[in-house]
Amino acid sequence: MIENITVAADDLLEYDEVALIELLGIRAKAMQRDLSIAGELSPKVKYDATYLGPLEEVKALGSRILRRWNKELFHIVCGTSKDDEVDRKNILNALTLGEGAAIAALIPILTALGLAPTLAAVVAAIVVKRFLGSAVETICDTWKQQEAMDRE
């Protein structure tokens, strides 16, 4: 399983954030039509308008999913709940690793929080691209600003 996570994480390194949001929507739409891909870290799905619908709707779905999980992760990382201490520490530790390793470290955290592995891999990649290398003190400020921009 660890090897699969590493491969999935490395595969996502080539995408920029816009492409990752689109990929998130594609995977979510494909998962709605075929739930069996939910557990796959790297499902072989591609955009097909007849199968997934208009691309703008797919992108909008990706953005909505990202907003939801961005908010959830912000509250975990930047909140003060004792219940989130372990996840907070694990997420912050992951963001000190190299890009591929950070994505691989975040995937199990996101799946433990209830996100399907196929979506967790993409959300992890977006979070890493946004926050990797940020000083712990500035992550919450940056995350808060990013959350506001995502709502626009």
C-alpha atoms as a PDB file:
ATOM      1  CA  MET A   1       0.000   0.000   0.000  1.00  0.00           C
ATOM      2  CA  ILE A   2       2.828   2.442   0.854  1.00  0.00           C
ATOM      3  CA  GLU A   3       4.371   1.904  -2.575  1.00  0.00           C
ATOM      4  CA  ASN A   4       0.989   2.658  -4.194  1.00  0.00           C
ATOM      5  CA  ILE A   5       0.690   5.878  -2.193  1.00  0.00           C
ATOM      6  CA  THR A   6       4.171   6.960  -3.234  1.00  0.00           C
ATOM      7  CA  VAL A   7       3.463   6.230  -6.906  1.00  0.00           C
ATOM      8  CA  ALA A   8       0.125   8.084  -6.753  1.00  0.00           C
ATOM      9  CA  ALA A   9       1.780  11.057  -5.038  1.00  0.00           C
ATOM     10  CA  ASP A  10       4.592  11.191  -7.576  1.00  0.00           C
ATOM     11  CA  ASP A  11       2.107  11.004 -10.473  1.00  0.00           C
ATOM     12  CA  LEU A  12       0.320  14.100  -9.164  1.00  0.00           C
ATOM     13  CA  LEU A  13       3.495  16.205  -9.027  1.00  0.00           C
ATOM     14  CA  GLU A  14       3.224  17.014 -12.734  1.00  0.00           C
ATOM     15  CA  TYR A  15      -0.119  18.820 -12.332  1.00  0.00           C
ATOM     16  CA  ASP A  16      -0.535  22.494 -11.481  1.00  0.00           C
ATOM     17  CA  GLU A  17      -3.270  23.561  -9.079  1.00  0.00           C
ATOM     18  CA  VAL A  18      -5.837  24.370 -11.797  1.00  0.00           C
ATOM     19  CA  ALA A  19      -5.346  20.951 -13.393  1.00  0.00           C
ATOM     20  CA  LEU A  20      -5.624  19.288  -9.972  1.00  0.00           C
ATOM     21  CA  ILE A  21      -8.972  20.983  -9.289  1.00  0.00           C
ATOM     22  CA  GLU A  22     -10.207  19.745 -12.673  1.00  0.00           C
ATOM     23  CA  LEU A  23      -8.881  16.260 -11.890  1.00  0.00           C
ATOM     24  CA  LEU A  24     -10.669  16.352  -8.535  1.00  0.00           C
ATOM     25  CA  GLY A  25     -13.947  17.057 -10.322  1.00  0.00           C
ATOM     26  CA  ILE A  26     -13.304  14.372 -12.937  1.00  0.00           C
ATOM     27  CA  ARG A  27     -12.612  11.761 -10.282  1.00  0.00           C
ATOM     28  CA  ALA A  28     -15.635  12.799  -8.211  1.00  0.00           C
ATOM     29  CA  LYS A  29     -17.972  12.635 -11.229  1.00  0.00           C
ATOM     30  CA  ALA A  30     -16.500   9.298 -12.307  1.00  0.00           C
ATOM     31  CA  MET A  31     -16.903   8.000  -8.755  1.00  0.00           C
ATOM     32  CA  GLN A  32     -20.592   8.974  -8.831  1.00  0.00           C
ATOM     33  CA  ARG A  33     -21.011   6.767 -11.889  1.00  0.00           C
ATOM     34  CA  ASP A  34     -18.743   3.926 -10.722  1.00  0.00           C
ATOM     35  CA  LEU A  35     -18.256   3.726  -6.956  1.00  0.00           C
ATOM     36  CA  SER A  36     -15.644   0.986  -7.362  1.00  0.00           C
ATOM     37  CA  ILE A  37     -12.977   3.609  -8.158  1.00  0.00           C
ATOM     38  CA  ALA A  38     -13.421   5.307  -4.756  1.00  0.00           C
ATOM     39  CA  GLY A  39     -10.695   3.168  -3.190  1.00  0.00           C
ATOM     40  CA  GLU A  40      -8.196   3.617  -6.022  1.00  0.00           C
ATOM     41  CA  LEU A  41      -5.407   6.117  -5.539  1.00  0.00           C
ATOM     42  CA  SER A  42      -4.813   6.526  -9.282  1.00  0.00           C
ATOM     43  CA  PRO A  43      -7.962   5.529 -11.148  1.00  0.00           C
ATOM     44  CA  LYS A  44      -7.687   5.493 -14.926  1.00  0.00           C
ATOM     45  CA  VAL A  45     -10.371   8.088 -15.632  1.00  0.00           C
ATOM     46  CA  LYS A  46     -10.263  10.827 -18.223  1.00  0.00           C
ATOM     47  CA  TYR A  47     -12.647  13.587 -19.043  1.00  0.00           C
ATOM     48  CA  ASP A  48     -15.417  12.533 -21.411  1.00  0.00           C
ATOM     49  CA  ALA A  49     -18.313  14.981 -21.841  1.00  0.00           C
ATOM     50  CA  THR A  50     -20.876  12.273 -22.641  1.00  0.00           C
ATOM     51  CA  TYR A  51     -19.918  10.318 -19.520  1.00  0.00           C
ATOM     52  CA  LEU A  52     -19.167  13.149 -17.046  1.00  0.00           C
ATOM     53  CA  GLY A  53     -21.090  16.138 -18.380  1.00  0.00           C
ATOM     54  CA  PRO A  54     -19.902  19.641 -19.293  1.00  0.00           C
ATOM     55  CA  LEU A  55     -16.327  20.457 -18.272  1.00  0.00           C
ATOM     56  CA  GLU A  56     -17.387  23.637 -16.455  1.00  0.00           C
ATOM     57  CA  GLU A  57     -19.676  21.576 -14.199  1.00  0.00           C
ATOM     58  CA  VAL A  58     -16.880  19.103 -13.537  1.00  0.00           C
ATOM     59  CA  LYS A  59     -14.504  21.940 -12.592  1.00  0.00           C
ATOM     60  CA  ALA A  60     -17.176  23.512 -10.378  1.00  0.00           C
ATOM     61  CA  LEU A  61     -17.615  20.193  -8.562  1.00  0.00           C
ATOM     62  CA  GLY A  62     -13.856  19.985  -8.013  1.00  0.00           C
ATOM     63  CA  SER A  63     -13.876  23.513  -6.589  1.00  0.00           C
ATOM     64  CA  ARG A  64     -16.770  22.710  -4.231  1.00  0.00           C
ATOM     65  CA  ILE A  65     -15.045  19.590  -2.922  1.00  0.00           C
ATOM     66  CA  LEU A  66     -11.812  21.522  -2.430  1.00  0.00           C
ATOM     67  CA  ARG A  67     -13.624  24.328  -0.563  1.00  0.00           C
ATOM     68  CA  ARG A  68     -15.236  21.815   1.789  1.00  0.00           C
ATOM     69  CA  TRP A  69     -11.984  20.018   2.590  1.00  0.00           C
ATOM     70  CA  ASN A  70      -9.967  23.208   2.678  1.00  0.00           C
ATOM     71  CA  LYS A  71     -12.311  24.467   5.397  1.00  0.00           C
ATOM     72  CA  GLU A  72     -12.111  21.164   7.283  1.00  0.00           C
ATOM     73  CA  LEU A  73      -8.319  21.079   7.161  1.00  0.00           C
ATOM     74  CA  PHE A  74      -8.054  24.751   8.126  1.00  0.00           C
ATOM     75  CA  HIS A  75     -10.077  24.065  11.274  1.00  0.00           C
ATOM     76  CA  ILE A  76      -7.914  21.062  12.127  1.00  0.00           C
ATOM     77  CA  VAL A  77      -4.553  22.725  11.482  1.00  0.00           C
ATOM     78  CA  CYS A  78      -5.370  26.208  12.722  1.00  0.00           C
ATOM     79  CA  GLY A  79      -7.913  25.356  15.401  1.00  0.00           C
ATOM     80  CA  THR A  80      -7.301  24.602  19.035  1.00  0.00           C
ATOM     81  CA  SER A  81      -9.444  21.505  19.561  1.00  0.00           C
ATOM     82  CA  LYS A  82      -7.695  18.862  21.643  1.00  0.00           C
ATOM     83  CA  ASP A  83      -9.450  16.224  19.490  1.00  0.00           C
ATOM     84  CA  ASP A  84      -7.476  17.427  16.458  1.00  0.00           C
ATOM     85  CA  GLU A  85      -4.017  17.524  18.073  1.00  0.00           C
ATOM     86  CA  VAL A  86      -2.724  14.324  16.489  1.00  0.00           C
ATOM     87  CA  ASP A  87      -4.051  15.204  13.016  1.00  0.00           C
ATOM     88  CA  ARG A  88      -2.741  18.776  13.386  1.00  0.00           C
ATOM     89  CA  LYS A  89       0.731  17.512  14.239  1.00  0.00           C
ATOM     90  CA  ASN A  90       0.711  14.939  11.418  1.00  0.00           C
ATOM     91  CA  ILE A  91      -0.425  17.474   8.800  1.00  0.00           C
ATOM     92  CA  LEU A  92       2.137  20.065   9.876  1.00  0.00           C
ATOM     93  CA  ASN A  93       4.866  17.426   9.915  1.00  0.00           C
ATOM     94  CA  ALA A  94       3.865  16.301   6.414  1.00  0.00           C
ATOM     95  CA  LEU A  95       4.224  19.869   5.144  1.00  0.00           C
ATOM     96  CA  THR A  96       7.896  19.875   6.138  1.00  0.00           C
ATOM     97  CA  LEU A  97       8.721  16.962   3.807  1.00  0.00           C
ATOM     98  CA  GLY A  98       9.555  17.068   0.118  1.00  0.00           C
ATOM     99  CA  GLU A  99       6.630  17.512  -2.252  1.00  0.00           C
ATOM    100  CA  GLY A 100       6.035  13.854  -3.144  1.00  0.00           C
ATOM    101  CA  ALA A 101       6.593  12.638   0.415  1.00  0.00           C
ATOM    102  CA  ALA A 102       4.242  15.316   1.777  1.00  0.00           C
ATOM    103  CA  ILE A 103       1.464  14.267  -0.591  1.00  0.00           C
ATOM    104  CA  ALA A 104       2.028  10.610   0.347  1.00  0.00           C
ATOM    105  CA  ALA A 105       1.913  11.489   4.054  1.00  0.00           C
ATOM    106  CA  LEU A 106      -1.329  13.475   3.724  1.00  0.00           C
ATOM    107  CA  ILE A 107      -3.287  10.836   1.791  1.00  0.00           C
ATOM    108  CA  PRO A 108      -3.803   8.475   4.775  1.00  0.00           C
ATOM    109  CA  ILE A 109      -4.691  11.422   7.018  1.00  0.00           C
ATOM    110  CA  LEU A 110      -7.381  12.579   4.600  1.00  0.00           C
ATOM    111  CA  THR A 111      -8.762   9.075   4.143  1.00  0.00           C
ATOM    112  CA  ALA A 112      -8.916   8.663   7.926  1.00  0.00           C
ATOM    113  CA  LEU A 113     -10.981  11.868   8.000  1.00  0.00           C
ATOM    114  CA  GLY A 114     -13.458  10.256   5.605  1.00  0.00           C
ATOM    115  CA  LEU A 115     -12.343  11.322   2.122  1.00  0.00           C
ATOM    116  CA  ALA A 116     -12.281   8.578  -0.515  1.00  0.00           C
ATOM    117  CA  PRO A 117      -8.698   7.661  -1.460  1.00  0.00           C
ATOM    118  CA  THR A 118      -9.232   8.639  -5.103  1.00  0.00           C
ATOM    119  CA  LEU A 119     -10.130  12.188  -3.970  1.00  0.00           C
ATOM    120  CA  ALA A 120      -7.753  12.292  -0.999  1.00  0.00           C
ATOM    121  CA  ALA A 121      -4.741  11.961  -3.284  1.00  0.00           C
ATOM    122  CA  VAL A 122      -5.756  15.028  -5.298  1.00  0.00           C
ATOM    123  CA  VAL A 123      -6.718  17.142  -2.272  1.00  0.00           C
ATOM    124  CA  ALA A 124      -3.385  16.224  -0.664  1.00  0.00           C
ATOM    125  CA  ALA A 125      -1.541  17.368  -3.794  1.00  0.00           C
ATOM    126  CA  ILE A 126      -3.370  20.710  -3.807  1.00  0.00           C
ATOM    127  CA  VAL A 127      -2.695  21.316  -0.115  1.00  0.00           C
ATOM    128  CA  VAL A 128       0.981  20.501  -0.575  1.00  0.00           C
ATOM    129  CA  LYS A 129       1.321  22.763  -3.606  1.00  0.00           C
ATOM    130  CA  ARG A 130      -0.287  25.600  -1.652  1.00  0.00           C
ATOM    131  CA  PHE A 131       1.444  25.254   1.705  1.00  0.00           C
ATOM    132  CA  LEU A 132       4.640  23.209   1.416  1.00  0.00           C
ATOM    133  CA  GLY A 133       7.592  25.055   2.835  1.00  0.00           C
ATOM    134  CA  SER A 134       5.510  27.675   4.611  1.00  0.00           C
ATOM    135  CA  ALA A 135       6.622  28.392   8.124  1.00  0.00           C
ATOM    136  CA  VAL A 136       4.224  26.903  10.640  1.00  0.00           C
ATOM    137  CA  GLU A 137       3.506  30.391  11.961  1.00  0.00           C
ATOM    138  CA  THR A 138       2.359  31.614   8.550  1.00  0.00           C
ATOM    139  CA  ILE A 139       0.433  28.550   7.362  1.00  0.00           C
ATOM    140  CA  CYS A 140      -2.813  29.587   9.073  1.00  0.00           C
ATOM    141  CA  ASP A 141      -2.650  33.137   7.708  1.00  0.00           C
ATOM    142  CA  THR A 142      -1.951  31.829   4.223  1.00  0.00           C
ATOM    143  CA  TRP A 143      -4.648  29.170   4.541  1.00  0.00           C
ATOM    144  CA  LYS A 144      -7.208  31.724   5.679  1.00  0.00           C
ATOM    145  CA  GLN A 145      -6.408  33.951   2.686  1.00  0.00           C
ATOM    146  CA  GLN A 146      -6.595  30.968   0.333  1.00  0.00           C
ATOM    147  CA  GLU A 147      -9.952  29.910   1.786  1.00  0.00           C
ATOM    148  CA  ALA A 148     -11.306  33.421   1.109  1.00  0.00           C
ATOM    149  CA  MET A 149     -10.040  33.275  -2.493  1.00  0.00           C
ATOM    150  CA  ASP A 150     -11.615  29.846  -3.011  1.00  0.00           C
ATOM    151  CA  ARG A 151     -15.012  31.282  -2.077  1.00  0.00           C
ATOM    152  CA  GLU A 152     -14.785  33.852  -4.862  1.00  0.00           C
END
